[in-house]
Amino acid sequence: MKLILGIGAILIGIWQVYISKQYFNSLKKQSTPLILGLIALISSLAFAACLLIYGIMLLI
């Protein structure tokens, strides 16, 4: 069970980093204020880092 949760958390973390990269690339084209966009991007990357660390800890 821990193996499935660990692999799932790592995959979701990698997906979150990929989505954050796409969001960062399209940040200039958006009409939202830049500060709010950066806050969303940083929180998304922090969530991805937490998922990656959690997944690695479950696998070890």
PDB file of N, CA and C in Angstrom:
ATOM      1  N   MET A   1       0.822  -1.188   0.000  1.00  0.00           N
ATOM      2  CA  MET A   1       0.000   0.000   0.000  1.00  0.00           C
ATOM      3  C   MET A   1       0.873   1.263   0.000  1.00  0.00           C
ATOM      4  N   LYS A   2       1.948   1.222   0.808  1.00  0.00           N
ATOM      5  CA  LYS A   2       2.847   2.378   0.845  1.00  0.00           C
ATOM      6  C   LYS A   2       3.528   2.590  -0.495  1.00  0.00           C
ATOM      7  N   LEU A   3       3.799   1.508  -1.208  1.00  0.00           N
ATOM      8  CA  LEU A   3       4.432   1.611  -2.519  1.00  0.00           C
ATOM      9  C   LEU A   3       3.516   2.347  -3.502  1.00  0.00           C
ATOM     10  N   ILE A   4       2.238   2.002  -3.487  1.00  0.00           N
ATOM     11  CA  ILE A   4       1.276   2.645  -4.377  1.00  0.00           C
ATOM     12  C   ILE A   4       1.117   4.120  -4.014  1.00  0.00           C
ATOM     13  N   LEU A   5       1.013   4.433  -2.731  1.00  0.00           N
ATOM     14  CA  LEU A   5       0.885   5.820  -2.301  1.00  0.00           C
ATOM     15  C   LEU A   5       2.143   6.623  -2.621  1.00  0.00           C
ATOM     16  N   GLY A   6       3.303   6.031  -2.434  1.00  0.00           N
ATOM     17  CA  GLY A   6       4.552   6.718  -2.722  1.00  0.00           C
ATOM     18  C   GLY A   6       4.702   7.040  -4.202  1.00  0.00           C
ATOM     19  N   ILE A   7       4.449   6.044  -5.039  1.00  0.00           N
ATOM     20  CA  ILE A   7       4.555   6.266  -6.482  1.00  0.00           C
ATOM     21  C   ILE A   7       3.504   7.270  -6.950  1.00  0.00           C
ATOM     22  N   GLY A   8       2.299   7.175  -6.417  1.00  0.00           N
ATOM     23  CA  GLY A   8       1.240   8.118  -6.776  1.00  0.00           C
ATOM     24  C   GLY A   8       1.585   9.542  -6.384  1.00  0.00           C
ATOM     25  N   ALA A   9       2.134   9.728  -5.194  1.00  0.00           N
ATOM     26  CA  ALA A   9       2.512  11.068  -4.745  1.00  0.00           C
ATOM     27  C   ALA A   9       3.628  11.639  -5.608  1.00  0.00           C
ATOM     28  N   ILE A  10       4.585  10.809  -5.979  1.00  0.00           N
ATOM     29  CA  ILE A  10       5.674  11.278  -6.837  1.00  0.00           C
ATOM     30  C   ILE A  10       5.148  11.661  -8.215  1.00  0.00           C
ATOM     31  N   LEU A  11       4.262  10.846  -8.779  1.00  0.00           N
ATOM     32  CA  LEU A  11       3.710  11.160 -10.091  1.00  0.00           C
ATOM     33  C   LEU A  11       2.872  12.446 -10.066  1.00  0.00           C
ATOM     34  N   ILE A  12       2.085  12.639  -9.026  1.00  0.00           N
ATOM     35  CA  ILE A  12       1.294  13.866  -8.911  1.00  0.00           C
ATOM     36  C   ILE A  12       2.214  15.069  -8.713  1.00  0.00           C
ATOM     37  N   GLY A  13       3.294  14.908  -7.965  1.00  0.00           N
ATOM     38  CA  GLY A  13       4.261  15.986  -7.789  1.00  0.00           C
ATOM     39  C   GLY A  13       4.928  16.375  -9.100  1.00  0.00           C
ATOM     40  N   ILE A  14       5.302  15.390  -9.902  1.00  0.00           N
ATOM     41  CA  ILE A  14       5.913  15.671 -11.205  1.00  0.00           C
ATOM     42  C   ILE A  14       4.906  16.367 -12.125  1.00  0.00           C
ATOM     43  N   TRP A  15       3.659  15.907 -12.098  1.00  0.00           N
ATOM     44  CA  TRP A  15       2.622  16.542 -12.902  1.00  0.00           C
ATOM     45  C   TRP A  15       2.405  17.999 -12.469  1.00  0.00           C
ATOM     46  N   GLN A  16       2.445  18.248 -11.182  1.00  0.00           N
ATOM     47  CA  GLN A  16       2.269  19.601 -10.662  1.00  0.00           C
ATOM     48  C   GLN A  16       3.406  20.520 -11.116  1.00  0.00           C
ATOM     49  N   VAL A  17       4.631  20.022 -11.148  1.00  0.00           N
ATOM     50  CA  VAL A  17       5.762  20.812 -11.634  1.00  0.00           C
ATOM     51  C   VAL A  17       5.582  21.120 -13.119  1.00  0.00           C
ATOM     52  N   TYR A  18       5.122  20.158 -13.887  1.00  0.00           N
ATOM     53  CA  TYR A  18       4.895  20.359 -15.315  1.00  0.00           C
ATOM     54  C   TYR A  18       3.820  21.426 -15.551  1.00  0.00           C
ATOM     55  N   ILE A  19       2.733  21.361 -14.819  1.00  0.00           N
ATOM     56  CA  ILE A  19       1.654  22.341 -14.947  1.00  0.00           C
ATOM     57  C   ILE A  19       2.140  23.720 -14.507  1.00  0.00           C
ATOM     58  N   SER A  20       2.941  23.778 -13.460  1.00  0.00           N
ATOM     59  CA  SER A  20       3.477  25.056 -13.002  1.00  0.00           C
ATOM     60  C   SER A  20       4.389  25.683 -14.052  1.00  0.00           C
ATOM     61  N   LYS A  21       5.155  24.850 -14.738  1.00  0.00           N
ATOM     62  CA  LYS A  21       6.018  25.354 -15.804  1.00  0.00           C
ATOM     63  C   LYS A  21       5.185  25.950 -16.932  1.00  0.00           C
ATOM     64  N   GLN A  22       4.114  25.291 -17.315  1.00  0.00           N
ATOM     65  CA  GLN A  22       3.246  25.825 -18.353  1.00  0.00           C
ATOM     66  C   GLN A  22       2.579  27.119 -17.897  1.00  0.00           C
ATOM     67  N   TYR A  23       2.171  27.177 -16.636  1.00  0.00           N
ATOM     68  CA  TYR A  23       1.547  28.382 -16.104  1.00  0.00           C
ATOM     69  C   TYR A  23       2.544  29.536 -16.090  1.00  0.00           C
ATOM     70  N   PHE A  24       3.782  29.246 -15.732  1.00  0.00           N
ATOM     71  CA  PHE A  24       4.819  30.282 -15.723  1.00  0.00           C
ATOM     72  C   PHE A  24       5.072  30.821 -17.130  1.00  0.00           C
ATOM     73  N   ASN A  25       5.045  29.948 -18.123  1.00  0.00           N
ATOM     74  CA  ASN A  25       5.265  30.383 -19.502  1.00  0.00           C
ATOM     75  C   ASN A  25       4.136  31.274 -20.001  1.00  0.00           C
ATOM     76  N   SER A  26       2.911  31.059 -19.520  1.00  0.00           N
ATOM     77  CA  SER A  26       1.774  31.861 -19.978  1.00  0.00           C
ATOM     78  C   SER A  26       1.417  32.983 -19.001  1.00  0.00           C
ATOM     79  N   LEU A  27       2.261  33.237 -18.021  1.00  0.00           N
ATOM     80  CA  LEU A  27       1.970  34.241 -16.996  1.00  0.00           C
ATOM     81  C   LEU A  27       1.931  35.652 -17.583  1.00  0.00           C
ATOM     82  N   LYS A  28       2.749  35.920 -18.582  1.00  0.00           N
ATOM     83  CA  LYS A  28       2.800  37.263 -19.166  1.00  0.00           C
ATOM     84  C   LYS A  28       1.531  37.608 -19.938  1.00  0.00           C
ATOM     85  N   LYS A  29       0.852  36.602 -20.466  1.00  0.00           N
ATOM     86  CA  LYS A  29      -0.330  36.829 -21.287  1.00  0.00           C
ATOM     87  C   LYS A  29      -1.608  36.998 -20.460  1.00  0.00           C
ATOM     88  N   GLN A  30      -1.564  36.691 -19.176  1.00  0.00           N
ATOM     89  CA  GLN A  30      -2.766  36.718 -18.361  1.00  0.00           C
ATOM     90  C   GLN A  30      -3.084  38.123 -17.890  1.00  0.00           C
ATOM     91  N   SER A  31      -4.364  38.320 -17.589  1.00  0.00           N
ATOM     92  CA  SER A  31      -4.810  39.641 -17.147  1.00  0.00           C
ATOM     93  C   SER A  31      -4.781  39.788 -15.624  1.00  0.00           C
ATOM     94  N   THR A  32      -4.469  38.725 -14.906  1.00  0.00           N
ATOM     95  CA  THR A  32      -4.396  38.823 -13.454  1.00  0.00           C
ATOM     96  C   THR A  32      -3.147  39.602 -13.063  1.00  0.00           C
ATOM     97  N   PRO A  33      -3.167  40.235 -11.915  1.00  0.00           N
ATOM     98  CA  PRO A  33      -1.962  40.948 -11.462  1.00  0.00           C
ATOM     99  C   PRO A  33      -0.781  39.988 -11.304  1.00  0.00           C
ATOM    100  N   LEU A  34       0.395  40.486 -11.593  1.00  0.00           N
ATOM    101  CA  LEU A  34       1.601  39.661 -11.583  1.00  0.00           C
ATOM    102  C   LEU A  34       1.897  39.105 -10.195  1.00  0.00           C
ATOM    103  N   ILE A  35       1.643  39.894  -9.159  1.00  0.00           N
ATOM    104  CA  ILE A  35       1.921  39.441  -7.789  1.00  0.00           C
ATOM    105  C   ILE A  35       1.067  38.228  -7.438  1.00  0.00           C
ATOM    106  N   LEU A  36      -0.221  38.266  -7.783  1.00  0.00           N
ATOM    107  CA  LEU A  36      -1.102  37.137  -7.472  1.00  0.00           C
ATOM    108  C   LEU A  36      -0.714  35.895  -8.271  1.00  0.00           C
ATOM    109  N   GLY A  37      -0.306  36.095  -9.507  1.00  0.00           N
ATOM    110  CA  GLY A  37       0.142  34.970 -10.317  1.00  0.00           C
ATOM    111  C   GLY A  37       1.394  34.321  -9.755  1.00  0.00           C
ATOM    112  N   LEU A  38       2.316  35.134  -9.280  1.00  0.00           N
ATOM    113  CA  LEU A  38       3.538  34.587  -8.678  1.00  0.00           C
ATOM    114  C   LEU A  38       3.247  33.863  -7.370  1.00  0.00           C
ATOM    115  N   ILE A  39       2.313  34.382  -6.588  1.00  0.00           N
ATOM    116  CA  ILE A  39       1.934  33.704  -5.342  1.00  0.00           C
ATOM    117  C   ILE A  39       1.332  32.338  -5.657  1.00  0.00           C
ATOM    118  N   ALA A  40       0.469  32.278  -6.677  1.00  0.00           N
ATOM    119  CA  ALA A  40      -0.127  30.996  -7.075  1.00  0.00           C
ATOM    120  C   ALA A  40       0.939  30.033  -7.580  1.00  0.00           C
ATOM    121  N   LEU A  41       1.892  30.544  -8.336  1.00  0.00           N
ATOM    122  CA  LEU A  41       2.960  29.704  -8.875  1.00  0.00           C
ATOM    123  C   LEU A  41       3.853  29.159  -7.763  1.00  0.00           C
ATOM    124  N   ILE A  42       4.209  29.998  -6.821  1.00  0.00           N
ATOM    125  CA  ILE A  42       5.067  29.563  -5.715  1.00  0.00           C
ATOM    126  C   ILE A  42       4.348  28.551  -4.835  1.00  0.00           C
ATOM    127  N   SER A  43       3.070  28.769  -4.561  1.00  0.00           N
ATOM    128  CA  SER A  43       2.337  27.809  -3.734  1.00  0.00           C
ATOM    129  C   SER A  43       2.159  26.484  -4.464  1.00  0.00           C
ATOM    130  N   SER A  44       1.991  26.531  -5.772  1.00  0.00           N
ATOM    131  CA  SER A  44       1.874  25.303  -6.553  1.00  0.00           C
ATOM    132  C   SER A  44       3.181  24.513  -6.530  1.00  0.00           C
ATOM    133  N   LEU A  45       4.302  25.206  -6.655  1.00  0.00           N
ATOM    134  CA  LEU A  45       5.594  24.524  -6.598  1.00  0.00           C
ATOM    135  C   LEU A  45       5.894  24.001  -5.197  1.00  0.00           C
ATOM    136  N   ALA A  46       5.466  24.712  -4.169  1.00  0.00           N
ATOM    137  CA  ALA A  46       5.653  24.233  -2.794  1.00  0.00           C
ATOM    138  C   ALA A  46       4.836  22.966  -2.561  1.00  0.00           C
ATOM    139  N   PHE A  47       3.622  22.940  -3.083  1.00  0.00           N
ATOM    140  CA  PHE A  47       2.781  21.744  -2.967  1.00  0.00           C
ATOM    141  C   PHE A  47       3.426  20.568  -3.692  1.00  0.00           C
ATOM    142  N   ALA A  48       3.993  20.818  -4.871  1.00  0.00           N
ATOM    143  CA  ALA A  48       4.662  19.762  -5.618  1.00  0.00           C
ATOM    144  C   ALA A  48       5.875  19.238  -4.848  1.00  0.00           C
ATOM    145  N   ALA A  49       6.625  20.143  -4.232  1.00  0.00           N
ATOM    146  CA  ALA A  49       7.792  19.713  -3.453  1.00  0.00           C
ATOM    147  C   ALA A  49       7.366  18.854  -2.265  1.00  0.00           C
ATOM    148  N   CYS A  50       6.294  19.240  -1.604  1.00  0.00           N
ATOM    149  CA  CYS A  50       5.794  18.446  -0.473  1.00  0.00           C
ATOM    150  C   CYS A  50       5.360  17.059  -0.933  1.00  0.00           C
ATOM    151  N   LEU A  51       4.691  16.987  -2.073  1.00  0.00           N
ATOM    152  CA  LEU A  51       4.274  15.688  -2.594  1.00  0.00           C
ATOM    153  C   LEU A  51       5.472  14.819  -2.963  1.00  0.00           C
ATOM    154  N   LEU A  52       6.473  15.407  -3.578  1.00  0.00           N
ATOM    155  CA  LEU A  52       7.665  14.635  -3.939  1.00  0.00           C
ATOM    156  C   LEU A  52       8.390  14.119  -2.712  1.00  0.00           C
ATOM    157  N   ILE A  53       8.544  14.954  -1.714  1.00  0.00           N
ATOM    158  CA  ILE A  53       9.219  14.535  -0.475  1.00  0.00           C
ATOM    159  C   ILE A  53       8.410  13.455   0.224  1.00  0.00           C
ATOM    160  N   TYR A  54       7.086  13.627   0.288  1.00  0.00           N
ATOM    161  CA  TYR A  54       6.227  12.630   0.922  1.00  0.00           C
ATOM    162  C   TYR A  54       6.314  11.285   0.193  1.00  0.00           C
ATOM    163  N   GLY A  55       6.304  11.327  -1.137  1.00  0.00           N
ATOM    164  CA  GLY A  55       6.400  10.100  -1.911  1.00  0.00           C
ATOM    165  C   GLY A  55       7.717   9.394  -1.722  1.00  0.00           C
ATOM    166  N   ILE A  56       8.806  10.139  -1.670  1.00  0.00           N
ATOM    167  CA  ILE A  56      10.121   9.529  -1.460  1.00  0.00           C
ATOM    168  C   ILE A  56      10.217   8.951  -0.065  1.00  0.00           C
ATOM    169  N   MET A  57       9.664   9.653   0.921  1.00  0.00           N
ATOM    170  CA  MET A  57       9.703   9.131   2.293  1.00  0.00           C
ATOM    171  C   MET A  57       8.904   7.842   2.425  1.00  0.00           C
ATOM    172  N   LEU A  58       7.801   7.725   1.685  1.00  0.00           N
ATOM    173  CA  LEU A  58       7.016   6.499   1.743  1.00  0.00           C
ATOM    174  C   LEU A  58       7.758   5.337   1.082  1.00  0.00           C
ATOM    175  N   LEU A  59       8.524   5.633   0.067  1.00  0.00           N
ATOM    176  CA  LEU A  59       9.235   4.557  -0.624  1.00  0.00           C
ATOM    177  C   LEU A  59      10.454   4.078   0.156  1.00  0.00           C
ATOM    178  N   ILE A  60      11.003   4.940   0.991  1.00  0.00           N
ATOM    179  CA  ILE A  60      12.209   4.550   1.770  1.00  0.00           C
ATOM    180  C   ILE A  60      11.807   3.800   2.969  1.00  0.00           C
TER     181      ILE A  60
END
